[in-house]
Amino acid sequence: SAFFIAIVVVQWADLLVCKTRKLSIFQQGMRNHQLTFAILFETALACILAYTPGTDNGLNMQPILFRWWLPAIPYSLTIFVYDECRKFFMRRNPGGFVERETYY
């Protein structure tokens, strides 16, 4: 259960990172309400799967303490900060090394 929750927490950053290719999330903003709904839905679904009685039998999930949600947050922040820095360097130096090596 804790591993599944960790994947969900890291997917928050992944969803925000994939939102734009070059613009920062702070420049783009969060005007896409489907994306906001997707983050909330993903979190709610994880809560339902982790805390609903009976999922321990079908999915081998067990209720976990809130503190087990926290270890994945530094990894999520690392992914987010890394990609924001990558996008900053791509905007600062168009066609440069960072863009050539990391732009998809």
PDB file of N, CA and C in Angstrom:
ATOM      1  N   SER A   1       0.811  -1.195   0.000  1.00  0.00           N
ATOM      2  CA  SER A   1       0.000   0.000   0.000  1.00  0.00           C
ATOM      3  C   SER A   1       0.853   1.257   0.000  1.00  0.00           C
ATOM      4  N   ALA A   2       1.917   1.259   0.781  1.00  0.00           N
ATOM      5  CA  ALA A   2       2.769   2.443   0.859  1.00  0.00           C
ATOM      6  C   ALA A   2       3.480   2.683  -0.473  1.00  0.00           C
ATOM      7  N   PHE A   3       3.873   1.616  -1.138  1.00  0.00           N
ATOM      8  CA  PHE A   3       4.530   1.765  -2.440  1.00  0.00           C
ATOM      9  C   PHE A   3       3.549   2.346  -3.459  1.00  0.00           C
ATOM     10  N   PHE A   4       2.318   1.871  -3.447  1.00  0.00           N
ATOM     11  CA  PHE A   4       1.287   2.394  -4.342  1.00  0.00           C
ATOM     12  C   PHE A   4       1.042   3.882  -4.072  1.00  0.00           C
ATOM     13  N   ILE A   5       0.959   4.254  -2.812  1.00  0.00           N
ATOM     14  CA  ILE A   5       0.754   5.659  -2.451  1.00  0.00           C
ATOM     15  C   ILE A   5       1.946   6.498  -2.895  1.00  0.00           C
ATOM     16  N   ALA A   6       3.156   5.960  -2.765  1.00  0.00           N
ATOM     17  CA  ALA A   6       4.348   6.683  -3.211  1.00  0.00           C
ATOM     18  C   ALA A   6       4.301   6.944  -4.709  1.00  0.00           C
ATOM     19  N   ILE A   7       3.832   5.981  -5.471  1.00  0.00           N
ATOM     20  CA  ILE A   7       3.699   6.175  -6.916  1.00  0.00           C
ATOM     21  C   ILE A   7       2.697   7.284  -7.208  1.00  0.00           C
ATOM     22  N   VAL A   8       1.599   7.305  -6.494  1.00  0.00           N
ATOM     23  CA  VAL A   8       0.589   8.350  -6.692  1.00  0.00           C
ATOM     24  C   VAL A   8       1.170   9.725  -6.387  1.00  0.00           C
ATOM     25  N   VAL A   9       1.913   9.849  -5.290  1.00  0.00           N
ATOM     26  CA  VAL A   9       2.490  11.141  -4.905  1.00  0.00           C
ATOM     27  C   VAL A   9       3.497  11.615  -5.952  1.00  0.00           C
ATOM     28  N   VAL A  10       4.314  10.716  -6.469  1.00  0.00           N
ATOM     29  CA  VAL A  10       5.293  11.097  -7.486  1.00  0.00           C
ATOM     30  C   VAL A  10       4.587  11.436  -8.805  1.00  0.00           C
ATOM     31  N   GLN A  11       3.456  10.829  -9.069  1.00  0.00           N
ATOM     32  CA  GLN A  11       2.704  11.139 -10.281  1.00  0.00           C
ATOM     33  C   GLN A  11       2.134  12.549 -10.254  1.00  0.00           C
ATOM     34  N   TRP A  12       1.941  13.123  -9.066  1.00  0.00           N
ATOM     35  CA  TRP A  12       1.517  14.528  -9.003  1.00  0.00           C
ATOM     36  C   TRP A  12       2.536  15.402  -9.707  1.00  0.00           C
ATOM     37  N   ALA A  13       3.802  15.211  -9.380  1.00  0.00           N
ATOM     38  CA  ALA A  13       4.866  16.013 -10.016  1.00  0.00           C
ATOM     39  C   ALA A  13       4.955  15.691 -11.495  1.00  0.00           C
ATOM     40  N   ASP A  14       4.846  14.428 -11.832  1.00  0.00           N
ATOM     41  CA  ASP A  14       4.939  14.036 -13.239  1.00  0.00           C
ATOM     42  C   ASP A  14       3.839  14.688 -14.058  1.00  0.00           C
ATOM     43  N   LEU A  15       2.661  14.761 -13.512  1.00  0.00           N
ATOM     44  CA  LEU A  15       1.546  15.396 -14.218  1.00  0.00           C
ATOM     45  C   LEU A  15       1.807  16.885 -14.443  1.00  0.00           C
ATOM     46  N   LEU A  16       2.353  17.553 -13.451  1.00  0.00           N
ATOM     47  CA  LEU A  16       2.655  18.978 -13.591  1.00  0.00           C
ATOM     48  C   LEU A  16       3.832  19.217 -14.530  1.00  0.00           C
ATOM     49  N   VAL A  17       4.797  18.316 -14.513  1.00  0.00           N
ATOM     50  CA  VAL A  17       5.976  18.440 -15.368  1.00  0.00           C
ATOM     51  C   VAL A  17       5.590  18.275 -16.838  1.00  0.00           C
ATOM     52  N   CYS A  18       4.708  17.356 -17.120  1.00  0.00           N
ATOM     53  CA  CYS A  18       4.311  17.076 -18.509  1.00  0.00           C
ATOM     54  C   CYS A  18       3.312  18.091 -19.047  1.00  0.00           C
ATOM     55  N   LYS A  19       2.891  19.016 -18.226  1.00  0.00           N
ATOM     56  CA  LYS A  19       1.886  20.004 -18.641  1.00  0.00           C
ATOM     57  C   LYS A  19       2.390  20.881 -19.778  1.00  0.00           C
ATOM     58  N   THR A  20       3.632  21.326 -19.701  1.00  0.00           N
ATOM     59  CA  THR A  20       4.210  22.152 -20.763  1.00  0.00           C
ATOM     60  C   THR A  20       5.583  21.609 -21.122  1.00  0.00           C
ATOM     61  N   ARG A  21       6.035  21.940 -22.321  1.00  0.00           N
ATOM     62  CA  ARG A  21       7.341  21.459 -22.755  1.00  0.00           C
ATOM     63  C   ARG A  21       8.456  22.453 -22.459  1.00  0.00           C
ATOM     64  N   LYS A  22       8.151  23.756 -22.530  1.00  0.00           N
ATOM     65  CA  LYS A  22       9.178  24.773 -22.289  1.00  0.00           C
ATOM     66  C   LYS A  22       8.794  25.788 -21.220  1.00  0.00           C
ATOM     67  N   LEU A  23       7.522  26.092 -21.115  1.00  0.00           N
ATOM     68  CA  LEU A  23       7.084  27.096 -20.136  1.00  0.00           C
ATOM     69  C   LEU A  23       7.075  26.518 -18.735  1.00  0.00           C
ATOM     70  N   SER A  24       7.386  27.378 -17.778  1.00  0.00           N
ATOM     71  CA  SER A  24       7.297  26.987 -16.383  1.00  0.00           C
ATOM     72  C   SER A  24       5.828  26.865 -15.997  1.00  0.00           C
ATOM     73  N   ILE A  25       5.553  26.051 -15.004  1.00  0.00           N
ATOM     74  CA  ILE A  25       4.182  25.924 -14.513  1.00  0.00           C
ATOM     75  C   ILE A  25       3.708  27.257 -13.942  1.00  0.00           C
ATOM     76  N   PHE A  26       4.656  28.082 -13.486  1.00  0.00           N
ATOM     77  CA  PHE A  26       4.303  29.384 -12.927  1.00  0.00           C
ATOM     78  C   PHE A  26       3.950  30.376 -14.033  1.00  0.00           C
ATOM     79  N   GLN A  27       4.492  30.207 -15.218  1.00  0.00           N
ATOM     80  CA  GLN A  27       4.123  31.041 -16.358  1.00  0.00           C
ATOM     81  C   GLN A  27       2.811  30.567 -16.976  1.00  0.00           C
ATOM     82  N   GLN A  28       2.645  29.262 -17.069  1.00  0.00           N
ATOM     83  CA  GLN A  28       1.469  28.678 -17.703  1.00  0.00           C
ATOM     84  C   GLN A  28       0.237  28.778 -16.813  1.00  0.00           C
ATOM     85  N   GLY A  29       0.434  28.522 -15.534  1.00  0.00           N
ATOM     86  CA  GLY A  29      -0.697  28.530 -14.611  1.00  0.00           C
ATOM     87  C   GLY A  29      -1.437  27.204 -14.613  1.00  0.00           C
ATOM     88  N   MET A  30      -2.459  27.137 -13.795  1.00  0.00           N
ATOM     89  CA  MET A  30      -3.258  25.914 -13.669  1.00  0.00           C
ATOM     90  C   MET A  30      -4.685  26.175 -14.160  1.00  0.00           C
ATOM     91  N   ARG A  31      -4.790  26.658 -15.370  1.00  0.00           N
ATOM     92  CA  ARG A  31      -6.111  26.953 -15.929  1.00  0.00           C
ATOM     93  C   ARG A  31      -6.805  25.718 -16.486  1.00  0.00           C
ATOM     94  N   ASN A  32      -6.080  24.632 -16.633  1.00  0.00           N
ATOM     95  CA  ASN A  32      -6.656  23.403 -17.158  1.00  0.00           C
ATOM     96  C   ASN A  32      -7.368  22.675 -16.017  1.00  0.00           C
ATOM     97  N   HIS A  33      -8.673  22.816 -15.965  1.00  0.00           N
ATOM     98  CA  HIS A  33      -9.424  22.253 -14.852  1.00  0.00           C
ATOM     99  C   HIS A  33      -9.512  20.734 -14.923  1.00  0.00           C
ATOM    100  N   GLN A  34      -9.370  20.166 -16.096  1.00  0.00           N
ATOM    101  CA  GLN A  34      -9.346  18.704 -16.205  1.00  0.00           C
ATOM    102  C   GLN A  34      -8.103  18.144 -15.518  1.00  0.00           C
ATOM    103  N   LEU A  35      -6.990  18.853 -15.630  1.00  0.00           N
ATOM    104  CA  LEU A  35      -5.753  18.414 -14.982  1.00  0.00           C
ATOM    105  C   LEU A  35      -5.891  18.483 -13.463  1.00  0.00           C
ATOM    106  N   THR A  36      -6.472  19.562 -12.977  1.00  0.00           N
ATOM    107  CA  THR A  36      -6.698  19.690 -11.535  1.00  0.00           C
ATOM    108  C   THR A  36      -7.629  18.580 -11.048  1.00  0.00           C
ATOM    109  N   PHE A  37      -8.683  18.317 -11.814  1.00  0.00           N
ATOM    110  CA  PHE A  37      -9.596  17.231 -11.468  1.00  0.00           C
ATOM    111  C   PHE A  37      -8.875  15.886 -11.476  1.00  0.00           C
ATOM    112  N   ALA A  38      -7.978  15.679 -12.447  1.00  0.00           N
ATOM    113  CA  ALA A  38      -7.248  14.411 -12.550  1.00  0.00           C
ATOM    114  C   ALA A  38      -6.369  14.185 -11.319  1.00  0.00           C
ATOM    115  N   ILE A  39      -5.710  15.233 -10.833  1.00  0.00           N
ATOM    116  CA  ILE A  39      -4.875  15.099  -9.634  1.00  0.00           C
ATOM    117  C   ILE A  39      -5.736  14.753  -8.421  1.00  0.00           C
ATOM    118  N   LEU A  40      -6.856  15.451  -8.278  1.00  0.00           N
ATOM    119  CA  LEU A  40      -7.752  15.167  -7.153  1.00  0.00           C
ATOM    120  C   LEU A  40      -8.370  13.780  -7.257  1.00  0.00           C
ATOM    121  N   PHE A  41      -8.758  13.390  -8.480  1.00  0.00           N
ATOM    122  CA  PHE A  41      -9.352  12.066  -8.683  1.00  0.00           C
ATOM    123  C   PHE A  41      -8.344  10.967  -8.386  1.00  0.00           C
ATOM    124  N   GLU A  42      -7.111  11.144  -8.844  1.00  0.00           N
ATOM    125  CA  GLU A  42      -6.060  10.149  -8.597  1.00  0.00           C
ATOM    126  C   GLU A  42      -5.834   9.974  -7.101  1.00  0.00           C
ATOM    127  N   THR A  43      -5.811  11.089  -6.376  1.00  0.00           N
ATOM    128  CA  THR A  43      -5.606  11.037  -4.937  1.00  0.00           C
ATOM    129  C   THR A  43      -6.804  10.383  -4.239  1.00  0.00           C
ATOM    130  N   ALA A  44      -8.001  10.752  -4.657  1.00  0.00           N
ATOM    131  CA  ALA A  44      -9.206  10.157  -4.060  1.00  0.00           C
ATOM    132  C   ALA A  44      -9.273   8.655  -4.340  1.00  0.00           C
ATOM    133  N   LEU A  45      -8.923   8.255  -5.546  1.00  0.00           N
ATOM    134  CA  LEU A  45      -8.927   6.836  -5.883  1.00  0.00           C
ATOM    135  C   LEU A  45      -7.896   6.075  -5.055  1.00  0.00           C
ATOM    136  N   ALA A  46      -6.739   6.666  -4.841  1.00  0.00           N
ATOM    137  CA  ALA A  46      -5.723   6.031  -4.003  1.00  0.00           C
ATOM    138  C   ALA A  46      -6.238   5.872  -2.570  1.00  0.00           C
ATOM    139  N   CYS A  47      -6.927   6.902  -2.072  1.00  0.00           N
ATOM    140  CA  CYS A  47      -7.501   6.812  -0.720  1.00  0.00           C
ATOM    141  C   CYS A  47      -8.557   5.718  -0.647  1.00  0.00           C
ATOM    142  N   ILE A  48      -9.402   5.663  -1.654  1.00  0.00           N
ATOM    143  CA  ILE A  48     -10.449   4.641  -1.676  1.00  0.00           C
ATOM    144  C   ILE A  48      -9.839   3.249  -1.687  1.00  0.00           C
ATOM    145  N   LEU A  49      -8.840   3.057  -2.549  1.00  0.00           N
ATOM    146  CA  LEU A  49      -8.214   1.736  -2.642  1.00  0.00           C
ATOM    147  C   LEU A  49      -7.448   1.373  -1.376  1.00  0.00           C
ATOM    148  N   ALA A  50      -6.851   2.363  -0.725  1.00  0.00           N
ATOM    149  CA  ALA A  50      -6.049   2.068   0.458  1.00  0.00           C
ATOM    150  C   ALA A  50      -6.879   1.903   1.718  1.00  0.00           C
ATOM    151  N   TYR A  51      -7.998   2.604   1.815  1.00  0.00           N
ATOM    152  CA  TYR A  51      -8.727   2.635   3.078  1.00  0.00           C
ATOM    153  C   TYR A  51     -10.091   1.953   3.065  1.00  0.00           C
ATOM    154  N   THR A  52     -10.540   1.465   1.921  1.00  0.00           N
ATOM    155  CA  THR A  52     -11.833   0.788   1.865  1.00  0.00           C
ATOM    156  C   THR A  52     -11.697  -0.646   2.369  1.00  0.00           C
ATOM    157  N   PRO A  53     -12.569  -1.041   3.301  1.00  0.00           N
ATOM    158  CA  PRO A  53     -12.516  -2.434   3.764  1.00  0.00           C
ATOM    159  C   PRO A  53     -12.787  -3.395   2.597  1.00  0.00           C
ATOM    160  N   GLY A  54     -12.061  -4.458   2.571  1.00  0.00           N
ATOM    161  CA  GLY A  54     -12.231  -5.460   1.522  1.00  0.00           C
ATOM    162  C   GLY A  54     -11.137  -5.410   0.478  1.00  0.00           C
ATOM    163  N   THR A  55     -10.467  -4.280   0.331  1.00  0.00           N
ATOM    164  CA  THR A  55      -9.392  -4.225  -0.663  1.00  0.00           C
ATOM    165  C   THR A  55      -8.166  -5.004  -0.195  1.00  0.00           C
ATOM    166  N   ASP A  56      -8.121  -5.319   1.100  1.00  0.00           N
ATOM    167  CA  ASP A  56      -7.010  -6.129   1.587  1.00  0.00           C
ATOM    168  C   ASP A  56      -7.085  -7.542   1.021  1.00  0.00           C
ATOM    169  N   ASN A  57      -8.290  -8.010   0.729  1.00  0.00           N
ATOM    170  CA  ASN A  57      -8.437  -9.343   0.141  1.00  0.00           C
ATOM    171  C   ASN A  57      -8.216  -9.330  -1.359  1.00  0.00           C
ATOM    172  N   GLY A  58      -8.883  -8.417  -2.053  1.00  0.00           N
ATOM    173  CA  GLY A  58      -8.828  -8.413  -3.514  1.00  0.00           C
ATOM    174  C   GLY A  58      -7.545  -7.855  -4.088  1.00  0.00           C
ATOM    175  N   LEU A  59      -7.017  -6.788  -3.489  1.00  0.00           N
ATOM    176  CA  LEU A  59      -5.840  -6.114  -4.048  1.00  0.00           C
ATOM    177  C   LEU A  59      -4.621  -6.171  -3.136  1.00  0.00           C
ATOM    178  N   ASN A  60      -4.765  -6.849  -1.994  1.00  0.00           N
ATOM    179  CA  ASN A  60      -3.679  -6.950  -1.023  1.00  0.00           C
ATOM    180  C   ASN A  60      -3.253  -5.561  -0.529  1.00  0.00           C
ATOM    181  N   MET A  61      -4.227  -4.680  -0.362  1.00  0.00           N
ATOM    182  CA  MET A  61      -3.973  -3.323   0.138  1.00  0.00           C
ATOM    183  C   MET A  61      -4.347  -3.287   1.611  1.00  0.00           C
ATOM    184  N   GLN A  62      -3.622  -2.477   2.355  1.00  0.00           N
ATOM    185  CA  GLN A  62      -3.923  -2.302   3.768  1.00  0.00           C
ATOM    186  C   GLN A  62      -3.948  -0.821   4.090  1.00  0.00           C
ATOM    187  N   PRO A  63      -4.802  -0.407   5.015  1.00  0.00           N
ATOM    188  CA  PRO A  63      -4.793   1.001   5.414  1.00  0.00           C
ATOM    189  C   PRO A  63      -3.426   1.373   5.978  1.00  0.00           C
ATOM    190  N   ILE A  64      -2.937   2.550   5.605  1.00  0.00           N
ATOM    191  CA  ILE A  64      -1.636   2.993   6.092  1.00  0.00           C
ATOM    192  C   ILE A  64      -1.800   4.322   6.823  1.00  0.00           C
ATOM    193  N   LEU A  65      -0.885   4.605   7.691  1.00  0.00           N
ATOM    194  CA  LEU A  65      -0.896   5.876   8.412  1.00  0.00           C
ATOM    195  C   LEU A  65      -0.529   7.002   7.457  1.00  0.00           C
ATOM    196  N   PHE A  66      -0.975   8.209   7.812  1.00  0.00           N
ATOM    197  CA  PHE A  66      -0.682   9.354   6.956  1.00  0.00           C
ATOM    198  C   PHE A  66       0.819   9.568   6.798  1.00  0.00           C
ATOM    199  N   ARG A  67       1.603   9.264   7.803  1.00  0.00           N
ATOM    200  CA  ARG A  67       3.046   9.499   7.713  1.00  0.00           C
ATOM    201  C   ARG A  67       3.702   8.685   6.606  1.00  0.00           C
ATOM    202  N   TRP A  68       3.048   7.625   6.124  1.00  0.00           N
ATOM    203  CA  TRP A  68       3.603   6.832   5.026  1.00  0.00           C
ATOM    204  C   TRP A  68       3.321   7.462   3.670  1.00  0.00           C
ATOM    205  N   TRP A  69       2.535   8.531   3.640  1.00  0.00           N
ATOM    206  CA  TRP A  69       2.366   9.327   2.420  1.00  0.00           C
ATOM    207  C   TRP A  69       3.552  10.270   2.231  1.00  0.00           C
ATOM    208  N   LEU A  70       4.233  10.599   3.308  1.00  0.00           N
ATOM    209  CA  LEU A  70       5.251  11.647   3.293  1.00  0.00           C
ATOM    210  C   LEU A  70       6.608  11.277   2.676  1.00  0.00           C
ATOM    211  N   PRO A  71       7.109  10.048   2.766  1.00  0.00           N
ATOM    212  CA  PRO A  71       8.443   9.772   2.224  1.00  0.00           C
ATOM    213  C   PRO A  71       8.585  10.024   0.722  1.00  0.00           C
ATOM    214  N   ALA A  72       7.510   9.971  -0.035  1.00  0.00           N
ATOM    215  CA  ALA A  72       7.602  10.182  -1.486  1.00  0.00           C
ATOM    216  C   ALA A  72       7.634  11.661  -1.863  1.00  0.00           C
ATOM    217  N   ILE A  73       7.277  12.540  -0.950  1.00  0.00           N
ATOM    218  CA  ILE A  73       7.211  13.973  -1.277  1.00  0.00           C
ATOM    219  C   ILE A  73       8.568  14.547  -1.696  1.00  0.00           C
ATOM    220  N   PRO A  74       9.685  14.216  -1.030  1.00  0.00           N
ATOM    221  CA  PRO A  74      10.969  14.745  -1.515  1.00  0.00           C
ATOM    222  C   PRO A  74      11.292  14.310  -2.949  1.00  0.00           C
ATOM    223  N   TYR A  75      10.945  13.100  -3.314  1.00  0.00           N
ATOM    224  CA  TYR A  75      11.186  12.639  -4.680  1.00  0.00           C
ATOM    225  C   TYR A  75      10.309  13.400  -5.673  1.00  0.00           C
ATOM    226  N   SER A  76       9.076  13.634  -5.276  1.00  0.00           N
ATOM    227  CA  SER A  76       8.171  14.406  -6.114  1.00  0.00           C
ATOM    228  C   SER A  76       8.694  15.827  -6.307  1.00  0.00           C
ATOM    229  N   LEU A  77       9.150  16.440  -5.236  1.00  0.00           N
ATOM    230  CA  LEU A  77       9.709  17.790  -5.322  1.00  0.00           C
ATOM    231  C   LEU A  77      10.986  17.814  -6.161  1.00  0.00           C
ATOM    232  N   THR A  78      11.802  16.786  -6.043  1.00  0.00           N
ATOM    233  CA  THR A  78      13.031  16.707  -6.838  1.00  0.00           C
ATOM    234  C   THR A  78      12.722  16.659  -8.325  1.00  0.00           C
ATOM    235  N   ILE A  79      11.750  15.847  -8.702  1.00  0.00           N
ATOM    236  CA  ILE A  79      11.351  15.759 -10.107  1.00  0.00           C
ATOM    237  C   ILE A  79      10.840  17.107 -10.593  1.00  0.00           C
ATOM    238  N   PHE A  80      10.013  17.752  -9.792  1.00  0.00           N
ATOM    239  CA  PHE A  80       9.431  19.030 -10.176  1.00  0.00           C
ATOM    240  C   PHE A  80      10.502  20.108 -10.321  1.00  0.00           C
ATOM    241  N   VAL A  81      11.387  20.238  -9.336  1.00  0.00           N
ATOM    242  CA  VAL A  81      12.431  21.268  -9.365  1.00  0.00           C
ATOM    243  C   VAL A  81      13.401  21.005 -10.513  1.00  0.00           C
ATOM    244  N   TYR A  82      13.782  19.747 -10.715  1.00  0.00           N
ATOM    245  CA  TYR A  82      14.690  19.411 -11.822  1.00  0.00           C
ATOM    246  C   TYR A  82      14.100  19.858 -13.156  1.00  0.00           C
ATOM    247  N   ASP A  83      12.822  19.549 -13.379  1.00  0.00           N
ATOM    248  CA  ASP A  83      12.232  19.887 -14.665  1.00  0.00           C
ATOM    249  C   ASP A  83      12.026  21.391 -14.819  1.00  0.00           C
ATOM    250  N   GLU A  84      11.710  22.090 -13.741  1.00  0.00           N
ATOM    251  CA  GLU A  84      11.602  23.551 -13.817  1.00  0.00           C
ATOM    252  C   GLU A  84      12.960  24.170 -14.171  1.00  0.00           C
ATOM    253  N   CYS A  85      14.037  23.634 -13.591  1.00  0.00           N
ATOM    254  CA  CYS A  85      15.385  24.124 -13.933  1.00  0.00           C
ATOM    255  C   CYS A  85      15.715  23.811 -15.386  1.00  0.00           C
ATOM    256  N   ARG A  86      15.366  22.623 -15.838  1.00  0.00           N
ATOM    257  CA  ARG A  86      15.608  22.243 -17.232  1.00  0.00           C
ATOM    258  C   ARG A  86      14.874  23.178 -18.184  1.00  0.00           C
ATOM    259  N   LYS A  87      13.632  23.473 -17.879  1.00  0.00           N
ATOM    260  CA  LYS A  87      12.856  24.382 -18.726  1.00  0.00           C
ATOM    261  C   LYS A  87      13.426  25.793 -18.683  1.00  0.00           C
ATOM    262  N   PHE A  88      13.917  26.227 -17.524  1.00  0.00           N
ATOM    263  CA  PHE A  88      14.540  27.546 -17.400  1.00  0.00           C
ATOM    264  C   PHE A  88      15.768  27.646 -18.314  1.00  0.00           C
ATOM    265  N   PHE A  89      16.621  26.635 -18.273  1.00  0.00           N
ATOM    266  CA  PHE A  89      17.822  26.667 -19.110  1.00  0.00           C
ATOM    267  C   PHE A  89      17.487  26.556 -20.593  1.00  0.00           C
ATOM    268  N   MET A  90      16.421  25.862 -20.926  1.00  0.00           N
ATOM    269  CA  MET A  90      16.003  25.791 -22.333  1.00  0.00           C
ATOM    270  C   MET A  90      15.488  27.140 -22.806  1.00  0.00           C
ATOM    271  N   ARG A  91      14.757  27.865 -21.972  1.00  0.00           N
ATOM    272  CA  ARG A  91      14.271  29.193 -22.357  1.00  0.00           C
ATOM    273  C   ARG A  91      15.408  30.201 -22.402  1.00  0.00           C
ATOM    274  N   ARG A  92      16.361  30.056 -21.513  1.00  0.00           N
ATOM    275  CA  ARG A  92      17.480  30.995 -21.435  1.00  0.00           C
ATOM    276  C   ARG A  92      18.460  30.830 -22.594  1.00  0.00           C
ATOM    277  N   ASN A  93      18.626  29.596 -23.058  1.00  0.00           N
ATOM    278  CA  ASN A  93      19.579  29.311 -24.116  1.00  0.00           C
ATOM    279  C   ASN A  93      18.905  28.429 -25.171  1.00  0.00           C
ATOM    280  N   PRO A  94      18.051  28.999 -26.033  1.00  0.00           N
ATOM    281  CA  PRO A  94      17.338  28.190 -27.035  1.00  0.00           C
ATOM    282  C   PRO A  94      18.323  27.514 -27.992  1.00  0.00           C
ATOM    283  N   GLY A  95      18.074  26.246 -28.250  1.00  0.00           N
ATOM    284  CA  GLY A  95      18.928  25.485 -29.149  1.00  0.00           C
ATOM    285  C   GLY A  95      20.237  25.051 -28.519  1.00  0.00           C
ATOM    286  N   GLY A  96      20.414  25.305 -27.221  1.00  0.00           N
ATOM    287  CA  GLY A  96      21.651  24.969 -26.530  1.00  0.00           C
ATOM    288  C   GLY A  96      21.722  23.500 -26.143  1.00  0.00           C
ATOM    289  N   PHE A  97      22.730  23.195 -25.351  1.00  0.00           N
ATOM    290  CA  PHE A  97      23.006  21.823 -24.948  1.00  0.00           C
ATOM    291  C   PHE A  97      21.819  21.182 -24.240  1.00  0.00           C
ATOM    292  N   VAL A  98      21.253  21.889 -23.280  1.00  0.00           N
ATOM    293  CA  VAL A  98      20.151  21.318 -22.502  1.00  0.00           C
ATOM    294  C   VAL A  98      18.970  20.997 -23.406  1.00  0.00           C
ATOM    295  N   GLU A  99      18.653  21.881 -24.323  1.00  0.00           N
ATOM    296  CA  GLU A  99      17.534  21.624 -25.233  1.00  0.00           C
ATOM    297  C   GLU A  99      17.840  20.461 -26.161  1.00  0.00           C
ATOM    298  N   ARG A 100      19.045  20.415 -26.686  1.00  0.00           N
ATOM    299  CA  ARG A 100      19.403  19.321 -27.600  1.00  0.00           C
ATOM    300  C   ARG A 100      19.374  17.961 -26.907  1.00  0.00           C
ATOM    301  N   GLU A 101      19.784  17.919 -25.657  1.00  0.00           N
ATOM    302  CA  GLU A 101      19.906  16.644 -24.963  1.00  0.00           C
ATOM    303  C   GLU A 101      18.644  16.202 -24.217  1.00  0.00           C
ATOM    304  N   THR A 102      17.767  17.152 -23.874  1.00  0.00           N
ATOM    305  CA  THR A 102      16.629  16.769 -23.038  1.00  0.00           C
ATOM    306  C   THR A 102      15.273  17.084 -23.650  1.00  0.00           C
ATOM    307  N   TYR A 103      15.220  17.815 -24.729  1.00  0.00           N
ATOM    308  CA  TYR A 103      13.937  18.188 -25.304  1.00  0.00           C
ATOM    309  C   TYR A 103      13.406  17.028 -26.135  1.00  0.00           C
ATOM    310  N   TYR A 104      12.176  16.706 -25.977  1.00  0.00           N
ATOM    311  CA  TYR A 104      11.584  15.587 -26.702  1.00  0.00           C
ATOM    312  C   TYR A 104      10.675  16.064 -27.796  1.00  0.00           C
TER     313      TYR A 104
END
